[in-house]
Amino acid sequence: MAGKKPPSFNQRLRRLQPWQQLAFVAALAQRAAPNYLLFCEATGFGDPREYQKLLGLLWESLLAKDARINWAVHQEKLAELEPEPDDFDVYGVYPALDAMMALELAIDQALKHDEDNAIRASKLSRSSVRQYLLLLAPEDVDEEAQSQWIREQELMADENDFQDELLSQVSAQFQPHPEVLRGIRQLARNEGVSNLGISLDEDRE
């Protein structure tokens, strides 16, 4: 008799506790931060300090059980931080927008638990990497071969490995111990390198 099929990645995400799902989404927003911060620096758009502040509040809400954060108020500010692709002629607006969407998912998760937000954030991050790699794909790679080419790229492998490790760390504890959460946040900082390999000095995070 064949063994029971192990749960898929998305099934494992859906089975996480609310705090674990929030930590997972917050970590993806943290890792995507350089994409937004450097876009703001290059274009003069937005308020990178506000993005960092909101990230900090997300981790604070996980670390401090008695934290009282009015997420509804912060949610209203998000539209001001979100770049409009039609207003910019640089590709960087798209990863920046993806980073903002990841932050929005995390705040939405903090405001109201939704077991699918972790899946949305996971797919968003992988999609951001795929779209970036499509820009780098050799011209002689036809459309049918693109998916295989993308899967073979180190950046895509790094993304998959990161999400696997993140899920492993998030799943390892039933309670949100501060030491565990700090480790997850440190993993997500990734020494200031985003999911696209864009580097940000850690002292600016």
C-alpha atoms as a PDB file:
ATOM      1  CA  MET A   1       0.000   0.000   0.000  1.00  0.00           C
ATOM      2  CA  ALA A   2       1.431   3.356  -1.010  1.00  0.00           C
ATOM      3  CA  GLY A   3       2.301   5.822   1.749  1.00  0.00           C
ATOM      4  CA  LYS A   4       0.224   8.906   2.361  1.00  0.00           C
ATOM      5  CA  LYS A   5       1.217  11.794   0.132  1.00  0.00           C
ATOM      6  CA  PRO A   6       2.972  14.527   2.144  1.00  0.00           C
ATOM      7  CA  PRO A   7       1.264  17.925   2.271  1.00  0.00           C
ATOM      8  CA  SER A   8       2.223  20.458  -0.363  1.00  0.00           C
ATOM      9  CA  PHE A   9       4.031  23.694   0.468  1.00  0.00           C
ATOM     10  CA  ASN A  10       0.791  25.669   0.283  1.00  0.00           C
ATOM     11  CA  GLN A  11      -1.059  23.139   2.428  1.00  0.00           C
ATOM     12  CA  ARG A  12       1.638  23.471   5.068  1.00  0.00           C
ATOM     13  CA  LEU A  13       1.283  27.261   4.948  1.00  0.00           C
ATOM     14  CA  ARG A  14      -2.482  27.018   5.386  1.00  0.00           C
ATOM     15  CA  ARG A  15      -2.075  24.791   8.448  1.00  0.00           C
ATOM     16  CA  LEU A  16       0.160  27.248  10.308  1.00  0.00           C
ATOM     17  CA  GLN A  17      -1.066  29.089  13.369  1.00  0.00           C
ATOM     18  CA  PRO A  18      -2.066  32.746  12.846  1.00  0.00           C
ATOM     19  CA  TRP A  19       1.135  34.082  14.432  1.00  0.00           C
ATOM     20  CA  GLN A  20       3.223  31.745  12.267  1.00  0.00           C
ATOM     21  CA  GLN A  21       1.473  32.905   9.108  1.00  0.00           C
ATOM     22  CA  LEU A  22       1.997  36.536  10.095  1.00  0.00           C
ATOM     23  CA  ALA A  23       5.698  35.866  10.725  1.00  0.00           C
ATOM     24  CA  PHE A  24       5.986  34.182   7.312  1.00  0.00           C
ATOM     25  CA  VAL A  25       4.377  37.115   5.462  1.00  0.00           C
ATOM     26  CA  ALA A  26       6.299  39.720   7.472  1.00  0.00           C
ATOM     27  CA  ALA A  27       9.549  37.924   6.639  1.00  0.00           C
ATOM     28  CA  LEU A  28       8.812  38.049   2.904  1.00  0.00           C
ATOM     29  CA  ALA A  29       8.039  41.770   3.171  1.00  0.00           C
ATOM     30  CA  GLN A  30      11.295  42.222   5.098  1.00  0.00           C
ATOM     31  CA  ARG A  31      13.292  40.408   2.431  1.00  0.00           C
ATOM     32  CA  ALA A  32      11.673  42.451  -0.337  1.00  0.00           C
ATOM     33  CA  ALA A  33      12.396  45.745   1.471  1.00  0.00           C
ATOM     34  CA  PRO A  34      15.580  46.639  -0.492  1.00  0.00           C
ATOM     35  CA  ASN A  35      13.572  46.553  -3.732  1.00  0.00           C
ATOM     36  CA  TYR A  36      11.324  49.315  -2.386  1.00  0.00           C
ATOM     37  CA  LEU A  37      13.918  51.291  -0.455  1.00  0.00           C
ATOM     38  CA  LEU A  38      16.383  51.527  -3.327  1.00  0.00           C
ATOM     39  CA  PHE A  39      13.616  52.440  -5.768  1.00  0.00           C
ATOM     40  CA  CYS A  40      12.633  55.309  -3.481  1.00  0.00           C
ATOM     41  CA  GLU A  41      16.273  56.359  -3.219  1.00  0.00           C
ATOM     42  CA  ALA A  42      16.736  56.317  -6.992  1.00  0.00           C
ATOM     43  CA  THR A  43      13.519  58.138  -7.892  1.00  0.00           C
ATOM     44  CA  GLY A  44      12.753  60.310  -4.874  1.00  0.00           C
ATOM     45  CA  PHE A  45       9.363  58.640  -4.606  1.00  0.00           C
ATOM     46  CA  GLY A  46       7.580  57.679  -1.400  1.00  0.00           C
ATOM     47  CA  ASP A  47       8.804  57.475   2.156  1.00  0.00           C
ATOM     48  CA  PRO A  48      11.215  54.585   2.767  1.00  0.00           C
ATOM     49  CA  ARG A  49      11.276  55.400   6.489  1.00  0.00           C
ATOM     50  CA  GLU A  50       7.540  54.718   6.675  1.00  0.00           C
ATOM     51  CA  TYR A  51       8.028  51.309   5.032  1.00  0.00           C
ATOM     52  CA  GLN A  52      10.709  50.476   7.600  1.00  0.00           C
ATOM     53  CA  LYS A  53       8.532  51.785  10.429  1.00  0.00           C
ATOM     54  CA  LEU A  54       5.635  49.553   9.393  1.00  0.00           C
ATOM     55  CA  LEU A  55       7.964  46.552   9.153  1.00  0.00           C
ATOM     56  CA  GLY A  56       9.200  47.315  12.653  1.00  0.00           C
ATOM     57  CA  LEU A  57       5.628  47.489  13.963  1.00  0.00           C
ATOM     58  CA  LEU A  58       4.872  44.095  12.446  1.00  0.00           C
ATOM     59  CA  TRP A  59       7.764  42.496  14.307  1.00  0.00           C
ATOM     60  CA  GLU A  60       6.851  44.405  17.461  1.00  0.00           C
ATOM     61  CA  SER A  61       3.313  43.020  17.267  1.00  0.00           C
ATOM     62  CA  LEU A  62       4.773  39.504  17.136  1.00  0.00           C
ATOM     63  CA  LEU A  63       7.363  40.050  19.851  1.00  0.00           C
ATOM     64  CA  ALA A  64       5.182  41.936  22.347  1.00  0.00           C
ATOM     65  CA  LYS A  65       1.927  40.205  23.253  1.00  0.00           C
ATOM     66  CA  ASP A  66       0.600  43.388  24.833  1.00  0.00           C
ATOM     67  CA  ALA A  67       1.416  45.608  21.818  1.00  0.00           C
ATOM     68  CA  ARG A  68      -1.518  47.846  20.936  1.00  0.00           C
ATOM     69  CA  ILE A  69      -1.197  48.861  17.298  1.00  0.00           C
ATOM     70  CA  ASN A  70      -4.020  50.463  15.340  1.00  0.00           C
ATOM     71  CA  TRP A  71      -3.471  48.631  12.066  1.00  0.00           C
ATOM     72  CA  ALA A  72      -6.568  50.167  10.465  1.00  0.00           C
ATOM     73  CA  VAL A  73      -4.944  53.616  10.695  1.00  0.00           C
ATOM     74  CA  HIS A  74      -1.661  52.372   9.240  1.00  0.00           C
ATOM     75  CA  GLN A  75      -3.511  50.539   6.483  1.00  0.00           C
ATOM     76  CA  GLU A  76      -4.979  53.849   5.312  1.00  0.00           C
ATOM     77  CA  LYS A  77      -1.455  55.225   4.739  1.00  0.00           C
ATOM     78  CA  LEU A  78      -0.392  52.457   2.387  1.00  0.00           C
ATOM     79  CA  ALA A  79      -1.855  54.004  -0.768  1.00  0.00           C
ATOM     80  CA  GLU A  80       0.500  56.987  -0.396  1.00  0.00           C
ATOM     81  CA  LEU A  81       3.516  54.660  -0.382  1.00  0.00           C
ATOM     82  CA  GLU A  82       2.491  52.646  -3.430  1.00  0.00           C
ATOM     83  CA  PRO A  83       4.109  53.625  -6.748  1.00  0.00           C
ATOM     84  CA  GLU A  84       2.033  53.779  -9.922  1.00  0.00           C
ATOM     85  CA  PRO A  85       3.855  51.907 -12.718  1.00  0.00           C
ATOM     86  CA  ASP A  86       2.560  54.274 -15.400  1.00  0.00           C
ATOM     87  CA  ASP A  87       4.330  57.162 -13.675  1.00  0.00           C
ATOM     88  CA  PHE A  88       7.813  55.656 -14.060  1.00  0.00           C
ATOM     89  CA  ASP A  89       9.852  54.429 -17.015  1.00  0.00           C
ATOM     90  CA  VAL A  90      12.144  52.172 -14.979  1.00  0.00           C
ATOM     91  CA  TYR A  91      11.648  48.461 -14.324  1.00  0.00           C
ATOM     92  CA  GLY A  92      12.372  48.981 -10.628  1.00  0.00           C
ATOM     93  CA  VAL A  93       8.832  50.238 -10.080  1.00  0.00           C
ATOM     94  CA  TYR A  94       7.504  46.685 -10.415  1.00  0.00           C
ATOM     95  CA  PRO A  95       9.654  45.046  -7.700  1.00  0.00           C
ATOM     96  CA  ALA A  96       8.968  48.116  -5.542  1.00  0.00           C
ATOM     97  CA  LEU A  97       5.240  47.635  -6.056  1.00  0.00           C
ATOM     98  CA  ASP A  98       5.570  43.920  -5.229  1.00  0.00           C
ATOM     99  CA  ALA A  99       7.380  44.839  -2.008  1.00  0.00           C
ATOM    100  CA  MET A 100       4.538  47.186  -1.095  1.00  0.00           C
ATOM    101  CA  MET A 101       1.992  44.484  -1.855  1.00  0.00           C
ATOM    102  CA  ALA A 102       3.883  42.112   0.462  1.00  0.00           C
ATOM    103  CA  LEU A 103       3.781  44.741   3.205  1.00  0.00           C
ATOM    104  CA  GLU A 104       0.058  45.250   2.598  1.00  0.00           C
ATOM    105  CA  LEU A 105      -0.556  41.500   2.919  1.00  0.00           C
ATOM    106  CA  ALA A 106       1.346  41.459   6.218  1.00  0.00           C
ATOM    107  CA  ILE A 107      -0.639  44.393   7.623  1.00  0.00           C
ATOM    108  CA  ASP A 108      -3.875  42.854   6.389  1.00  0.00           C
ATOM    109  CA  GLN A 109      -2.870  39.651   8.174  1.00  0.00           C
ATOM    110  CA  ALA A 110      -2.126  41.568  11.385  1.00  0.00           C
ATOM    111  CA  LEU A 111      -5.495  43.312  11.137  1.00  0.00           C
ATOM    112  CA  LYS A 112      -7.581  40.259  10.312  1.00  0.00           C
ATOM    113  CA  HIS A 113      -6.407  36.660  10.064  1.00  0.00           C
ATOM    114  CA  ASP A 114      -6.682  35.146   6.578  1.00  0.00           C
ATOM    115  CA  GLU A 115      -5.100  31.730   6.126  1.00  0.00           C
ATOM    116  CA  ASP A 116      -4.509  32.415   2.423  1.00  0.00           C
ATOM    117  CA  ASN A 117      -2.398  35.560   2.889  1.00  0.00           C
ATOM    118  CA  ALA A 118       0.741  33.496   3.449  1.00  0.00           C
ATOM    119  CA  ILE A 119       0.107  31.681   0.159  1.00  0.00           C
ATOM    120  CA  ARG A 120      -0.502  34.985  -1.634  1.00  0.00           C
ATOM    121  CA  ALA A 121       2.749  36.413  -0.256  1.00  0.00           C
ATOM    122  CA  SER A 122       4.675  33.273  -1.215  1.00  0.00           C
ATOM    123  CA  LYS A 123       3.379  33.364  -4.790  1.00  0.00           C
ATOM    124  CA  LEU A 124       3.988  37.114  -5.023  1.00  0.00           C
ATOM    125  CA  SER A 125       7.649  36.743  -4.066  1.00  0.00           C
ATOM    126  CA  ARG A 126       8.254  33.870  -6.489  1.00  0.00           C
ATOM    127  CA  SER A 127       6.476  35.803  -9.246  1.00  0.00           C
ATOM    128  CA  SER A 128       8.645  38.864  -8.602  1.00  0.00           C
ATOM    129  CA  VAL A 129      11.757  36.728  -9.099  1.00  0.00           C
ATOM    130  CA  ARG A 130      10.346  35.074 -12.230  1.00  0.00           C
ATOM    131  CA  GLN A 131       9.450  38.406 -13.844  1.00  0.00           C
ATOM    132  CA  TYR A 132      12.921  39.768 -13.104  1.00  0.00           C
ATOM    133  CA  LEU A 133      14.576  36.691 -14.594  1.00  0.00           C
ATOM    134  CA  LEU A 134      12.479  37.031 -17.751  1.00  0.00           C
ATOM    135  CA  LEU A 135      14.287  40.311 -18.364  1.00  0.00           C
ATOM    136  CA  LEU A 136      17.590  38.471 -18.254  1.00  0.00           C
ATOM    137  CA  ALA A 137      16.566  35.474 -20.352  1.00  0.00           C
ATOM    138  CA  PRO A 138      18.683  34.997 -23.500  1.00  0.00           C
ATOM    139  CA  GLU A 139      16.922  36.014 -26.702  1.00  0.00           C
ATOM    140  CA  ASP A 140      17.390  32.540 -28.173  1.00  0.00           C
ATOM    141  CA  VAL A 141      15.317  30.948 -25.383  1.00  0.00           C
ATOM    142  CA  ASP A 142      11.841  30.497 -26.831  1.00  0.00           C
ATOM    143  CA  GLU A 143       8.678  30.901 -24.793  1.00  0.00           C
ATOM    144  CA  GLU A 144       8.252  27.166 -24.228  1.00  0.00           C
ATOM    145  CA  ALA A 145      11.787  26.848 -22.835  1.00  0.00           C
ATOM    146  CA  GLN A 146      11.571  29.934 -20.601  1.00  0.00           C
ATOM    147  CA  SER A 147      10.011  28.147 -17.628  1.00  0.00           C
ATOM    148  CA  GLN A 148      12.744  25.525 -17.624  1.00  0.00           C
ATOM    149  CA  TRP A 149      15.437  28.207 -17.983  1.00  0.00           C
ATOM    150  CA  ILE A 150      13.979  30.153 -15.042  1.00  0.00           C
ATOM    151  CA  ARG A 151      13.887  27.036 -12.841  1.00  0.00           C
ATOM    152  CA  GLU A 152      17.585  26.487 -13.550  1.00  0.00           C
ATOM    153  CA  GLN A 153      18.656  29.975 -12.453  1.00  0.00           C
ATOM    154  CA  GLU A 154      20.443  30.446  -9.142  1.00  0.00           C
ATOM    155  CA  LEU A 155      18.191  33.354  -8.162  1.00  0.00           C
ATOM    156  CA  MET A 156      15.087  31.159  -8.480  1.00  0.00           C
ATOM    157  CA  ALA A 157      16.793  28.359  -6.559  1.00  0.00           C
ATOM    158  CA  ASP A 158      17.726  30.860  -3.822  1.00  0.00           C
ATOM    159  CA  GLU A 159      14.103  32.016  -3.623  1.00  0.00           C
ATOM    160  CA  ASN A 160      12.804  28.471  -3.295  1.00  0.00           C
ATOM    161  CA  ASP A 161      15.475  27.568  -0.730  1.00  0.00           C
ATOM    162  CA  PHE A 162      14.712  30.706   1.271  1.00  0.00           C
ATOM    163  CA  GLN A 163      10.993  29.990   1.419  1.00  0.00           C
ATOM    164  CA  ASP A 164      11.660  26.372   2.395  1.00  0.00           C
ATOM    165  CA  GLU A 165      13.974  27.473   5.215  1.00  0.00           C
ATOM    166  CA  LEU A 166      11.560  30.204   6.313  1.00  0.00           C
ATOM    167  CA  LEU A 167       8.670  27.749   6.522  1.00  0.00           C
ATOM    168  CA  SER A 168      10.892  25.330   8.428  1.00  0.00           C
ATOM    169  CA  GLN A 169      11.844  27.966  11.006  1.00  0.00           C
ATOM    170  CA  VAL A 170       8.299  29.296  11.334  1.00  0.00           C
ATOM    171  CA  SER A 171       6.941  25.765  11.794  1.00  0.00           C
ATOM    172  CA  ALA A 172       9.542  24.737  14.369  1.00  0.00           C
ATOM    173  CA  GLN A 173       7.837  26.399  17.374  1.00  0.00           C
ATOM    174  CA  PHE A 174       4.254  26.402  18.581  1.00  0.00           C
ATOM    175  CA  GLN A 175       4.742  29.601  20.559  1.00  0.00           C
ATOM    176  CA  PRO A 176       6.170  32.915  19.289  1.00  0.00           C
ATOM    177  CA  HIS A 177       9.319  32.916  21.422  1.00  0.00           C
ATOM    178  CA  PRO A 178      11.306  36.166  21.017  1.00  0.00           C
ATOM    179  CA  GLU A 179      14.529  34.323  20.196  1.00  0.00           C
ATOM    180  CA  VAL A 180      12.791  32.394  17.413  1.00  0.00           C
ATOM    181  CA  LEU A 181      11.201  35.536  15.978  1.00  0.00           C
ATOM    182  CA  ARG A 182      14.511  37.398  16.035  1.00  0.00           C
ATOM    183  CA  GLY A 183      16.070  34.494  14.152  1.00  0.00           C
ATOM    184  CA  ILE A 184      13.318  34.604  11.537  1.00  0.00           C
ATOM    185  CA  ARG A 185      13.740  38.349  11.125  1.00  0.00           C
ATOM    186  CA  GLN A 186      17.509  37.957  10.777  1.00  0.00           C
ATOM    187  CA  LEU A 187      16.976  35.288   8.127  1.00  0.00           C
ATOM    188  CA  ALA A 188      14.639  37.659   6.279  1.00  0.00           C
ATOM    189  CA  ARG A 189      17.130  40.533   6.429  1.00  0.00           C
ATOM    190  CA  ASN A 190      19.416  38.272   4.384  1.00  0.00           C
ATOM    191  CA  GLU A 191      22.376  40.595   5.027  1.00  0.00           C
ATOM    192  CA  GLY A 192      20.570  43.364   3.164  1.00  0.00           C
ATOM    193  CA  VAL A 193      20.081  41.377  -0.069  1.00  0.00           C
ATOM    194  CA  SER A 194      16.580  41.142  -1.524  1.00  0.00           C
ATOM    195  CA  ASN A 195      14.883  38.250  -3.318  1.00  0.00           C
ATOM    196  CA  LEU A 196      16.173  39.810  -6.572  1.00  0.00           C
ATOM    197  CA  GLY A 197      19.758  39.898  -5.370  1.00  0.00           C
ATOM    198  CA  ILE A 198      19.594  43.668  -4.895  1.00  0.00           C
ATOM    199  CA  SER A 199      21.899  44.721  -2.079  1.00  0.00           C
ATOM    200  CA  LEU A 200      21.160  47.196   0.668  1.00  0.00           C
ATOM    201  CA  ASP A 201      23.576  48.138   3.435  1.00  0.00           C
ATOM    202  CA  GLU A 202      22.209  46.552   6.602  1.00  0.00           C
ATOM    203  CA  ASP A 203      22.693  49.708   8.632  1.00  0.00           C
ATOM    204  CA  ARG A 204      20.009  51.353   6.493  1.00  0.00           C
ATOM    205  CA  GLU A 205      17.446  48.673   7.324  1.00  0.00           C
END
